[in-house]
Amino acid sequence: MIRNRSAGASGVVFDHFAARGAVRWRGRGQDVSFFLPGARATPGTARTIARYWLVDWQVPGEVRADAELIVSEFAANTVLHTASRVVEFRLHLRDRWLTINVVDQGPRRPVRIVEHVAEPGSGKAPEVDDAHGAEEIADSGRGLLIVDQLAEKWGANPLRGGTLAWARLTIPASPAELWDR
């Protein structure tokens, strides 16, 4: 069983999921991967598990909140727009960068995003391909606008049999740097 005293209720919830086999995970140091079924509860579960690791790694509160939201938005897109049976989540913390990766197995790619590297707060809408059109963005896709506001850089890359959605956040060197964002 995994214990994390600083995670409080998150640690208990994580133990609950892990004990029932709903989560497979592997990790070492400040790299972790976990796998969840492509189900309606996945975004919330992914957010809880991400919180567990981010608290353990002592990621500052504002950055942690942004990362949790990005994880849940990517997970929601996967659940809504793909037929993935399993979704892989990867969190990687190095120096002052937190990288979030979400890999789906969907046979149909979600709205195509062309290597969108955003300047923080650019508010640019994702580029869409002709197969999906603007109507799909009108009904959904707002989560990617949130990701655009929160992430230093983000994008989606096609994989054989799925898509990798990724985002990168900066970890401030000091509390004062949080206020300069």
N, C-alpha and C. Protein backbone atom coordinates (compact mmCIF):
# COMPACT_ATOMS: atom_id res chain seq x y z
N MET A 1 0.84 -1.18 0.00
CA MET A 1 0.00 0.00 0.00
C MET A 1 0.88 1.24 0.00
N ILE A 2 0.45 2.26 -0.69
CA ILE A 2 1.22 3.49 -0.82
C ILE A 2 0.76 4.47 0.26
N ARG A 3 1.70 5.07 0.93
CA ARG A 3 1.37 6.05 1.97
C ARG A 3 2.03 7.38 1.66
N ASN A 4 1.31 8.42 1.91
CA ASN A 4 1.83 9.77 1.73
C ASN A 4 1.13 10.63 2.77
N ARG A 5 1.80 10.86 3.87
CA ARG A 5 1.17 11.61 4.96
C ARG A 5 0.77 13.02 4.55
N SER A 6 1.56 13.67 3.70
CA SER A 6 1.26 15.05 3.32
C SER A 6 0.07 15.14 2.37
N ALA A 7 -0.31 14.04 1.74
CA ALA A 7 -1.40 14.07 0.76
C ALA A 7 -2.76 14.04 1.43
N GLY A 8 -2.82 13.73 2.71
CA GLY A 8 -4.10 13.69 3.41
C GLY A 8 -5.08 12.75 2.76
N ALA A 9 -6.29 13.25 2.48
CA ALA A 9 -7.35 12.42 1.89
C ALA A 9 -6.95 11.87 0.53
N SER A 10 -6.14 12.60 -0.23
CA SER A 10 -5.73 12.12 -1.55
C SER A 10 -5.00 10.80 -1.44
N GLY A 11 -4.13 10.67 -0.42
CA GLY A 11 -3.41 9.42 -0.24
C GLY A 11 -4.35 8.26 0.05
N VAL A 12 -5.37 8.51 0.85
CA VAL A 12 -6.36 7.48 1.17
C VAL A 12 -7.13 7.09 -0.08
N VAL A 13 -7.55 8.07 -0.87
CA VAL A 13 -8.28 7.78 -2.10
C VAL A 13 -7.41 6.99 -3.06
N PHE A 14 -6.13 7.37 -3.18
CA PHE A 14 -5.24 6.65 -4.07
C PHE A 14 -5.10 5.20 -3.62
N ASP A 15 -4.93 4.97 -2.30
CA ASP A 15 -4.85 3.61 -1.77
C ASP A 15 -6.12 2.83 -2.12
N HIS A 16 -7.27 3.49 -2.04
CA HIS A 16 -8.55 2.86 -2.35
C HIS A 16 -8.58 2.36 -3.79
N PHE A 17 -8.18 3.22 -4.74
CA PHE A 17 -8.19 2.82 -6.15
C PHE A 17 -7.15 1.74 -6.42
N ALA A 18 -5.95 1.90 -5.87
CA ALA A 18 -4.88 0.93 -6.11
C ALA A 18 -5.25 -0.44 -5.55
N ALA A 19 -5.89 -0.47 -4.40
CA ALA A 19 -6.26 -1.75 -3.78
C ALA A 19 -7.29 -2.50 -4.62
N ARG A 20 -8.07 -1.82 -5.39
CA ARG A 20 -9.10 -2.46 -6.21
C ARG A 20 -8.64 -2.72 -7.65
N GLY A 21 -7.38 -2.45 -7.93
CA GLY A 21 -6.85 -2.73 -9.26
C GLY A 21 -7.30 -1.76 -10.33
N ALA A 22 -7.97 -0.67 -9.95
CA ALA A 22 -8.45 0.30 -10.93
C ALA A 22 -7.31 1.16 -11.45
N VAL A 23 -6.20 1.15 -10.74
CA VAL A 23 -5.06 1.95 -11.12
C VAL A 23 -3.84 1.04 -11.17
N ARG A 24 -3.12 1.12 -12.26
CA ARG A 24 -1.80 0.49 -12.31
C ARG A 24 -0.85 1.67 -12.36
N TRP A 25 0.23 1.59 -11.61
CA TRP A 25 1.15 2.71 -11.61
C TRP A 25 2.57 2.21 -11.53
N ARG A 26 3.46 3.03 -12.00
CA ARG A 26 4.88 2.79 -11.81
C ARG A 26 5.52 4.17 -11.69
N GLY A 27 6.53 4.23 -10.89
CA GLY A 27 7.18 5.52 -10.74
C GLY A 27 8.48 5.39 -9.99
N ARG A 28 9.32 6.38 -10.18
CA ARG A 28 10.59 6.44 -9.48
C ARG A 28 10.97 7.90 -9.40
N GLY A 29 11.32 8.32 -8.22
CA GLY A 29 11.70 9.72 -8.07
C GLY A 29 10.55 10.63 -8.45
N GLN A 30 10.79 11.50 -9.40
CA GLN A 30 9.78 12.46 -9.80
C GLN A 30 9.28 12.17 -11.21
N ASP A 31 9.10 10.91 -11.50
CA ASP A 31 8.49 10.43 -12.73
C ASP A 31 7.45 9.39 -12.33
N VAL A 32 6.25 9.53 -12.83
CA VAL A 32 5.23 8.53 -12.53
C VAL A 32 4.33 8.35 -13.75
N SER A 33 3.93 7.12 -13.95
CA SER A 33 2.91 6.80 -14.97
C SER A 33 1.81 6.04 -14.26
N PHE A 34 0.58 6.34 -14.62
CA PHE A 34 -0.53 5.55 -14.11
C PHE A 34 -1.54 5.36 -15.21
N PHE A 35 -2.31 4.31 -15.10
CA PHE A 35 -3.22 3.88 -16.14
C PHE A 35 -4.62 3.76 -15.56
N LEU A 36 -5.59 4.31 -16.27
CA LEU A 36 -6.98 4.25 -15.83
C LEU A 36 -7.85 3.77 -16.99
N PRO A 37 -8.99 3.18 -16.68
CA PRO A 37 -9.90 2.80 -17.77
C PRO A 37 -10.49 4.05 -18.42
N GLY A 38 -10.84 3.94 -19.68
CA GLY A 38 -11.48 5.06 -20.39
C GLY A 38 -12.94 5.13 -20.00
N ALA A 39 -13.21 5.62 -18.80
CA ALA A 39 -14.57 5.64 -18.24
C ALA A 39 -14.94 7.06 -17.80
N ARG A 40 -16.20 7.24 -17.56
CA ARG A 40 -16.72 8.56 -17.18
C ARG A 40 -16.04 9.14 -15.93
N ALA A 41 -15.66 8.28 -14.99
CA ALA A 41 -15.03 8.73 -13.74
C ALA A 41 -13.55 9.05 -13.89
N THR A 42 -12.97 8.76 -15.04
CA THR A 42 -11.53 8.91 -15.23
C THR A 42 -11.00 10.32 -14.98
N PRO A 43 -11.64 11.38 -15.48
CA PRO A 43 -11.08 12.72 -15.22
C PRO A 43 -10.93 13.04 -13.72
N GLY A 44 -11.92 12.75 -12.94
CA GLY A 44 -11.83 13.02 -11.51
C GLY A 44 -10.81 12.15 -10.81
N THR A 45 -10.77 10.89 -11.19
CA THR A 45 -9.80 9.97 -10.60
C THR A 45 -8.37 10.40 -10.96
N ALA A 46 -8.16 10.75 -12.23
CA ALA A 46 -6.84 11.19 -12.67
C ALA A 46 -6.40 12.44 -11.92
N ARG A 47 -7.32 13.35 -11.71
CA ARG A 47 -7.01 14.58 -10.98
C ARG A 47 -6.59 14.27 -9.55
N THR A 48 -7.29 13.35 -8.90
CA THR A 48 -6.97 12.96 -7.53
C THR A 48 -5.60 12.31 -7.44
N ILE A 49 -5.31 11.42 -8.37
CA ILE A 49 -4.01 10.75 -8.35
C ILE A 49 -2.89 11.74 -8.67
N ALA A 50 -3.11 12.63 -9.62
CA ALA A 50 -2.10 13.65 -9.92
C ALA A 50 -1.83 14.50 -8.67
N ARG A 51 -2.89 14.88 -7.97
CA ARG A 51 -2.73 15.67 -6.74
C ARG A 51 -1.85 14.93 -5.73
N TYR A 52 -2.07 13.65 -5.59
CA TYR A 52 -1.28 12.82 -4.67
C TYR A 52 0.21 12.98 -4.95
N TRP A 53 0.61 12.82 -6.21
CA TRP A 53 2.03 12.89 -6.56
C TRP A 53 2.55 14.32 -6.49
N LEU A 54 1.77 15.29 -6.91
CA LEU A 54 2.22 16.68 -6.90
C LEU A 54 2.43 17.19 -5.48
N VAL A 55 1.57 16.77 -4.55
CA VAL A 55 1.77 17.12 -3.14
C VAL A 55 3.03 16.45 -2.62
N ASP A 56 3.22 15.18 -2.97
CA ASP A 56 4.40 14.44 -2.52
C ASP A 56 5.68 15.11 -3.02
N TRP A 57 5.66 15.64 -4.26
CA TRP A 57 6.82 16.31 -4.84
C TRP A 57 6.94 17.76 -4.39
N GLN A 58 6.02 18.23 -3.57
CA GLN A 58 6.01 19.59 -3.04
C GLN A 58 5.92 20.66 -4.14
N VAL A 59 5.10 20.38 -5.14
CA VAL A 59 4.84 21.36 -6.19
C VAL A 59 3.99 22.48 -5.56
N PRO A 60 4.35 23.74 -5.78
CA PRO A 60 3.60 24.86 -5.18
C PRO A 60 2.11 24.81 -5.53
N GLY A 61 1.28 25.29 -4.61
CA GLY A 61 -0.17 25.21 -4.72
C GLY A 61 -0.77 25.69 -6.02
N GLU A 62 -0.38 26.87 -6.52
CA GLU A 62 -0.97 27.41 -7.74
C GLU A 62 -0.61 26.55 -8.95
N VAL A 63 0.64 26.12 -9.02
CA VAL A 63 1.08 25.28 -10.12
C VAL A 63 0.39 23.92 -10.03
N ARG A 64 0.27 23.40 -8.81
CA ARG A 64 -0.41 22.12 -8.59
C ARG A 64 -1.86 22.20 -9.06
N ALA A 65 -2.55 23.27 -8.72
CA ALA A 65 -3.95 23.43 -9.13
C ALA A 65 -4.06 23.49 -10.65
N ASP A 66 -3.14 24.22 -11.30
CA ASP A 66 -3.14 24.29 -12.76
C ASP A 66 -2.91 22.91 -13.37
N ALA A 67 -1.95 22.18 -12.81
CA ALA A 67 -1.63 20.84 -13.32
C ALA A 67 -2.81 19.88 -13.16
N GLU A 68 -3.47 19.94 -12.02
CA GLU A 68 -4.64 19.08 -11.79
C GLU A 68 -5.73 19.37 -12.82
N LEU A 69 -5.95 20.63 -13.10
CA LEU A 69 -6.97 21.02 -14.08
C LEU A 69 -6.60 20.54 -15.48
N ILE A 70 -5.33 20.68 -15.84
CA ILE A 70 -4.88 20.21 -17.16
C ILE A 70 -5.05 18.70 -17.28
N VAL A 71 -4.68 17.96 -16.24
CA VAL A 71 -4.85 16.50 -16.26
C VAL A 71 -6.31 16.15 -16.48
N SER A 72 -7.20 16.80 -15.75
CA SER A 72 -8.62 16.45 -15.88
C SER A 72 -9.19 16.89 -17.23
N GLU A 73 -8.73 18.00 -17.79
CA GLU A 73 -9.21 18.43 -19.12
C GLU A 73 -8.75 17.46 -20.21
N PHE A 74 -7.47 17.06 -20.17
CA PHE A 74 -6.99 16.08 -21.14
C PHE A 74 -7.74 14.76 -20.99
N ALA A 75 -7.98 14.34 -19.75
CA ALA A 75 -8.71 13.09 -19.51
C ALA A 75 -10.14 13.19 -20.03
N ALA A 76 -10.79 14.31 -19.79
CA ALA A 76 -12.16 14.49 -20.28
C ALA A 76 -12.21 14.42 -21.80
N ASN A 77 -11.25 15.04 -22.48
CA ASN A 77 -11.20 14.96 -23.93
C ASN A 77 -11.06 13.52 -24.40
N THR A 78 -10.21 12.77 -23.72
CA THR A 78 -9.99 11.37 -24.09
C THR A 78 -11.29 10.57 -23.91
N VAL A 79 -11.94 10.75 -22.79
CA VAL A 79 -13.18 9.99 -22.52
C VAL A 79 -14.29 10.38 -23.50
N LEU A 80 -14.42 11.67 -23.79
CA LEU A 80 -15.49 12.14 -24.66
C LEU A 80 -15.26 11.87 -26.14
N HIS A 81 -14.01 11.92 -26.58
CA HIS A 81 -13.74 11.91 -28.02
C HIS A 81 -13.02 10.68 -28.55
N THR A 82 -12.70 9.72 -27.69
CA THR A 82 -12.04 8.51 -28.18
C THR A 82 -12.74 7.29 -27.58
N ALA A 83 -12.41 6.16 -28.10
CA ALA A 83 -12.95 4.90 -27.57
C ALA A 83 -11.86 4.16 -26.80
N SER A 84 -11.02 4.89 -26.11
CA SER A 84 -9.91 4.29 -25.38
C SER A 84 -10.41 3.39 -24.27
N ARG A 85 -9.85 2.20 -24.20
CA ARG A 85 -10.16 1.30 -23.09
C ARG A 85 -9.28 1.63 -21.89
N VAL A 86 -8.06 2.07 -22.17
CA VAL A 86 -7.11 2.42 -21.13
C VAL A 86 -6.48 3.76 -21.51
N VAL A 87 -6.30 4.61 -20.52
CA VAL A 87 -5.66 5.91 -20.72
C VAL A 87 -4.41 5.94 -19.86
N GLU A 88 -3.29 6.34 -20.45
CA GLU A 88 -2.04 6.44 -19.70
C GLU A 88 -1.77 7.90 -19.36
N PHE A 89 -1.39 8.13 -18.11
CA PHE A 89 -1.04 9.46 -17.63
C PHE A 89 0.41 9.41 -17.17
N ARG A 90 1.17 10.42 -17.54
CA ARG A 90 2.57 10.51 -17.11
C ARG A 90 2.82 11.90 -16.55
N LEU A 91 3.44 11.94 -15.39
CA LEU A 91 3.87 13.19 -14.78
C LEU A 91 5.38 13.12 -14.62
N HIS A 92 6.05 14.18 -15.00
CA HIS A 92 7.51 14.20 -14.97
C HIS A 92 7.96 15.56 -14.45
N LEU A 93 8.69 15.56 -13.35
CA LEU A 93 9.18 16.81 -12.76
C LEU A 93 10.70 16.83 -12.84
N ARG A 94 11.24 17.81 -13.54
CA ARG A 94 12.69 17.99 -13.67
C ARG A 94 13.00 19.46 -13.53
N ASP A 95 13.95 19.73 -12.65
CA ASP A 95 14.38 21.10 -12.41
C ASP A 95 13.16 21.98 -12.16
N ARG A 96 12.85 22.90 -13.05
CA ARG A 96 11.73 23.82 -12.85
C ARG A 96 10.61 23.56 -13.83
N TRP A 97 10.53 22.34 -14.38
CA TRP A 97 9.50 22.02 -15.36
C TRP A 97 8.69 20.81 -14.92
N LEU A 98 7.38 20.94 -15.02
CA LEU A 98 6.47 19.81 -14.82
C LEU A 98 5.85 19.50 -16.17
N THR A 99 6.01 18.27 -16.63
CA THR A 99 5.44 17.85 -17.90
C THR A 99 4.31 16.87 -17.63
N ILE A 100 3.19 17.08 -18.29
CA ILE A 100 2.01 16.23 -18.17
C ILE A 100 1.78 15.60 -19.54
N ASN A 101 1.69 14.29 -19.59
CA ASN A 101 1.38 13.57 -20.83
C ASN A 101 0.16 12.70 -20.60
N VAL A 102 -0.75 12.70 -21.55
CA VAL A 102 -1.92 11.81 -21.51
C VAL A 102 -1.98 11.12 -22.87
N VAL A 103 -1.95 9.80 -22.84
CA VAL A 103 -1.94 9.00 -24.07
C VAL A 103 -3.24 8.21 -24.16
N ASP A 104 -3.94 8.40 -25.28
CA ASP A 104 -5.17 7.64 -25.50
C ASP A 104 -4.92 6.57 -26.56
N GLN A 105 -5.88 5.67 -26.70
CA GLN A 105 -5.81 4.59 -27.68
C GLN A 105 -6.93 4.71 -28.70
N GLY A 106 -7.51 5.88 -28.78
CA GLY A 106 -8.67 6.05 -29.63
C GLY A 106 -8.39 5.85 -31.10
N PRO A 107 -9.25 5.10 -31.78
CA PRO A 107 -9.09 4.93 -33.21
C PRO A 107 -9.40 6.22 -33.97
N ARG A 108 -10.24 7.06 -33.41
CA ARG A 108 -10.57 8.36 -33.99
C ARG A 108 -9.88 9.42 -33.16
N ARG A 109 -9.02 10.18 -33.81
CA ARG A 109 -8.34 11.23 -33.08
C ARG A 109 -9.32 12.33 -32.72
N PRO A 110 -9.15 12.94 -31.55
CA PRO A 110 -9.99 14.10 -31.22
C PRO A 110 -9.64 15.25 -32.15
N VAL A 111 -10.29 16.37 -31.97
CA VAL A 111 -10.03 17.53 -32.82
C VAL A 111 -8.52 17.70 -32.96
N ARG A 112 -8.07 17.77 -34.19
CA ARG A 112 -6.64 17.81 -34.46
C ARG A 112 -6.07 19.14 -34.01
N ILE A 113 -5.03 19.05 -33.24
CA ILE A 113 -4.31 20.24 -32.81
C ILE A 113 -2.92 20.14 -33.40
N VAL A 114 -2.54 21.13 -34.16
CA VAL A 114 -1.25 21.12 -34.81
C VAL A 114 -0.22 21.69 -33.86
N GLU A 115 0.68 20.85 -33.35
CA GLU A 115 1.79 21.26 -32.48
C GLU A 115 1.63 22.70 -32.01
N HIS A 116 0.64 22.91 -31.21
CA HIS A 116 0.28 24.25 -30.74
C HIS A 116 1.16 24.58 -29.55
N VAL A 117 2.11 25.45 -29.73
CA VAL A 117 2.94 25.90 -28.63
C VAL A 117 2.52 27.32 -28.35
N ALA A 118 1.89 27.49 -27.22
CA ALA A 118 1.28 28.78 -26.90
C ALA A 118 2.18 29.62 -26.02
N GLU A 119 2.11 30.89 -26.21
CA GLU A 119 2.69 31.80 -25.24
C GLU A 119 1.68 31.85 -24.11
N PRO A 120 2.13 31.93 -22.87
CA PRO A 120 1.18 31.93 -21.76
C PRO A 120 0.07 32.97 -21.95
N GLY A 121 -1.16 32.51 -21.80
CA GLY A 121 -2.30 33.41 -21.88
C GLY A 121 -2.62 33.93 -23.26
N SER A 122 -2.18 33.23 -24.30
CA SER A 122 -2.43 33.74 -25.65
C SER A 122 -3.91 33.69 -26.01
N GLY A 123 -4.66 32.74 -25.43
CA GLY A 123 -6.08 32.64 -25.69
C GLY A 123 -6.42 32.20 -27.10
N LYS A 124 -5.43 31.67 -27.82
CA LYS A 124 -5.67 31.23 -29.19
C LYS A 124 -6.48 29.95 -29.20
N ALA A 125 -7.46 29.89 -30.06
CA ALA A 125 -8.26 28.67 -30.21
C ALA A 125 -7.45 27.63 -30.96
N PRO A 126 -7.69 26.34 -30.69
CA PRO A 126 -6.97 25.31 -31.43
C PRO A 126 -7.33 25.33 -32.90
N GLU A 127 -6.36 24.95 -33.73
CA GLU A 127 -6.63 24.81 -35.16
C GLU A 127 -7.37 23.50 -35.36
N VAL A 128 -8.39 23.50 -36.21
CA VAL A 128 -9.15 22.28 -36.45
C VAL A 128 -8.99 21.83 -37.89
N ASP A 129 -9.10 20.52 -38.08
CA ASP A 129 -9.02 20.03 -39.45
C ASP A 129 -10.42 20.00 -40.06
N ASP A 130 -10.51 19.86 -41.37
CA ASP A 130 -11.79 19.90 -42.07
C ASP A 130 -12.72 18.77 -41.69
N ALA A 131 -12.17 17.63 -41.25
CA ALA A 131 -12.99 16.48 -40.92
C ALA A 131 -13.88 16.73 -39.70
N HIS A 132 -13.45 17.60 -38.81
CA HIS A 132 -14.22 17.83 -37.59
C HIS A 132 -14.97 19.15 -37.63
N GLY A 133 -14.35 20.17 -38.16
CA GLY A 133 -15.01 21.44 -38.34
C GLY A 133 -15.24 22.25 -37.08
N ALA A 134 -15.71 23.47 -37.28
CA ALA A 134 -15.90 24.41 -36.18
C ALA A 134 -17.06 24.02 -35.27
N GLU A 135 -18.05 23.26 -35.79
CA GLU A 135 -19.18 22.89 -34.95
C GLU A 135 -18.74 22.08 -33.74
N GLU A 136 -17.78 21.19 -33.93
CA GLU A 136 -17.31 20.37 -32.82
C GLU A 136 -16.65 21.24 -31.75
N ILE A 137 -15.91 22.26 -32.16
CA ILE A 137 -15.29 23.18 -31.21
C ILE A 137 -16.37 23.97 -30.47
N ALA A 138 -17.46 24.33 -31.16
CA ALA A 138 -18.51 25.12 -30.53
C ALA A 138 -19.19 24.34 -29.40
N ASP A 139 -19.37 23.02 -29.58
CA ASP A 139 -20.03 22.21 -28.57
C ASP A 139 -19.10 21.77 -27.45
N SER A 140 -17.84 21.69 -27.72
CA SER A 140 -16.86 21.27 -26.73
C SER A 140 -15.54 21.93 -27.08
N GLY A 141 -14.46 21.47 -26.51
CA GLY A 141 -13.16 22.03 -26.86
C GLY A 141 -12.75 23.22 -26.03
N ARG A 142 -13.63 23.68 -25.16
CA ARG A 142 -13.25 24.82 -24.32
C ARG A 142 -12.17 24.46 -23.32
N GLY A 143 -12.09 23.17 -22.99
CA GLY A 143 -11.05 22.72 -22.07
C GLY A 143 -9.66 23.00 -22.60
N LEU A 144 -9.48 22.93 -23.92
CA LEU A 144 -8.18 23.22 -24.50
C LEU A 144 -7.85 24.71 -24.42
N LEU A 145 -8.87 25.55 -24.41
CA LEU A 145 -8.62 26.98 -24.20
C LEU A 145 -8.14 27.22 -22.77
N ILE A 146 -8.67 26.44 -21.83
CA ILE A 146 -8.21 26.52 -20.44
C ILE A 146 -6.75 26.07 -20.37
N VAL A 147 -6.45 24.94 -21.01
CA VAL A 147 -5.07 24.45 -21.05
C VAL A 147 -4.15 25.52 -21.62
N ASP A 148 -4.60 26.17 -22.68
CA ASP A 148 -3.81 27.22 -23.32
C ASP A 148 -3.49 28.35 -22.34
N GLN A 149 -4.43 28.69 -21.48
CA GLN A 149 -4.22 29.77 -20.51
C GLN A 149 -3.26 29.36 -19.39
N LEU A 150 -3.24 28.08 -19.05
CA LEU A 150 -2.48 27.62 -17.89
C LEU A 150 -1.08 27.12 -18.21
N ALA A 151 -0.90 26.51 -19.36
CA ALA A 151 0.37 25.86 -19.69
C ALA A 151 1.36 26.82 -20.34
N GLU A 152 2.62 26.62 -20.04
CA GLU A 152 3.69 27.36 -20.71
C GLU A 152 3.73 26.96 -22.18
N LYS A 153 3.65 25.64 -22.43
CA LYS A 153 3.59 25.08 -23.77
C LYS A 153 2.68 23.86 -23.71
N TRP A 154 2.02 23.54 -24.83
CA TRP A 154 1.19 22.35 -24.87
C TRP A 154 0.95 21.96 -26.32
N GLY A 155 0.46 20.75 -26.50
CA GLY A 155 0.17 20.29 -27.85
C GLY A 155 -0.37 18.87 -27.85
N ALA A 156 -0.54 18.35 -29.03
CA ALA A 156 -0.99 16.97 -29.20
C ALA A 156 -0.26 16.40 -30.40
N ASN A 157 0.23 15.20 -30.25
CA ASN A 157 0.98 14.55 -31.31
C ASN A 157 0.35 13.20 -31.62
N PRO A 158 0.19 12.89 -32.91
CA PRO A 158 -0.36 11.58 -33.27
C PRO A 158 0.63 10.48 -32.94
N LEU A 159 0.10 9.38 -32.47
CA LEU A 159 0.88 8.17 -32.22
C LEU A 159 0.25 7.05 -33.02
N ARG A 160 0.96 6.00 -33.20
CA ARG A 160 0.37 4.82 -33.84
C ARG A 160 -0.73 4.31 -32.90
N GLY A 161 -1.96 4.42 -33.33
CA GLY A 161 -3.08 3.95 -32.52
C GLY A 161 -3.54 4.90 -31.44
N GLY A 162 -3.31 6.18 -31.57
CA GLY A 162 -3.79 7.10 -30.55
C GLY A 162 -3.18 8.48 -30.66
N THR A 163 -3.26 9.22 -29.57
CA THR A 163 -2.75 10.59 -29.52
C THR A 163 -2.09 10.83 -28.17
N LEU A 164 -1.01 11.59 -28.19
CA LEU A 164 -0.34 12.04 -26.98
C LEU A 164 -0.66 13.52 -26.81
N ALA A 165 -1.38 13.87 -25.76
CA ALA A 165 -1.60 15.27 -25.40
C ALA A 165 -0.59 15.61 -24.31
N TRP A 166 0.06 16.75 -24.43
CA TRP A 166 1.09 17.10 -23.47
C TRP A 166 0.99 18.58 -23.09
N ALA A 167 1.48 18.86 -21.90
CA ALA A 167 1.55 20.25 -21.43
C ALA A 167 2.76 20.39 -20.53
N ARG A 168 3.31 21.59 -20.52
CA ARG A 168 4.46 21.86 -19.67
C ARG A 168 4.19 23.11 -18.85
N LEU A 169 4.47 23.00 -17.56
CA LEU A 169 4.29 24.11 -16.62
C LEU A 169 5.64 24.46 -16.00
N THR A 170 5.83 25.72 -15.70
CA THR A 170 7.04 26.17 -15.02
C THR A 170 6.82 26.16 -13.52
N ILE A 171 7.79 25.63 -12.80
CA ILE A 171 7.78 25.68 -11.34
C ILE A 171 8.59 26.90 -10.95
N PRO A 172 8.00 27.86 -10.25
CA PRO A 172 8.74 29.08 -9.87
C PRO A 172 9.92 28.75 -8.95
N ALA A 173 10.98 29.53 -9.08
CA ALA A 173 12.15 29.35 -8.24
C ALA A 173 11.90 29.86 -6.83
N SER A 174 11.00 30.82 -6.70
CA SER A 174 10.73 31.41 -5.39
C SER A 174 9.26 31.81 -5.34
N PRO A 175 8.72 31.99 -4.13
CA PRO A 175 7.32 32.43 -4.02
C PRO A 175 7.07 33.75 -4.74
N ALA A 176 8.04 34.65 -4.79
CA ALA A 176 7.86 35.93 -5.46
C ALA A 176 7.59 35.73 -6.95
N GLU A 177 8.18 34.70 -7.53
CA GLU A 177 7.99 34.43 -8.95
C GLU A 177 6.54 34.07 -9.27
N LEU A 178 5.82 33.51 -8.30
CA LEU A 178 4.40 33.19 -8.50
C LEU A 178 3.61 34.45 -8.82
N TRP A 179 3.96 35.56 -8.17
CA TRP A 179 3.21 36.79 -8.36
C TRP A 179 3.53 37.46 -9.68
N ASP A 180 4.67 37.10 -10.29
CA ASP A 180 5.07 37.70 -11.56
C ASP A 180 4.43 37.01 -12.75
N ARG A 181 3.71 35.93 -12.55
CA ARG A 181 3.12 35.17 -13.66
C ARG A 181 1.99 35.91 -14.29
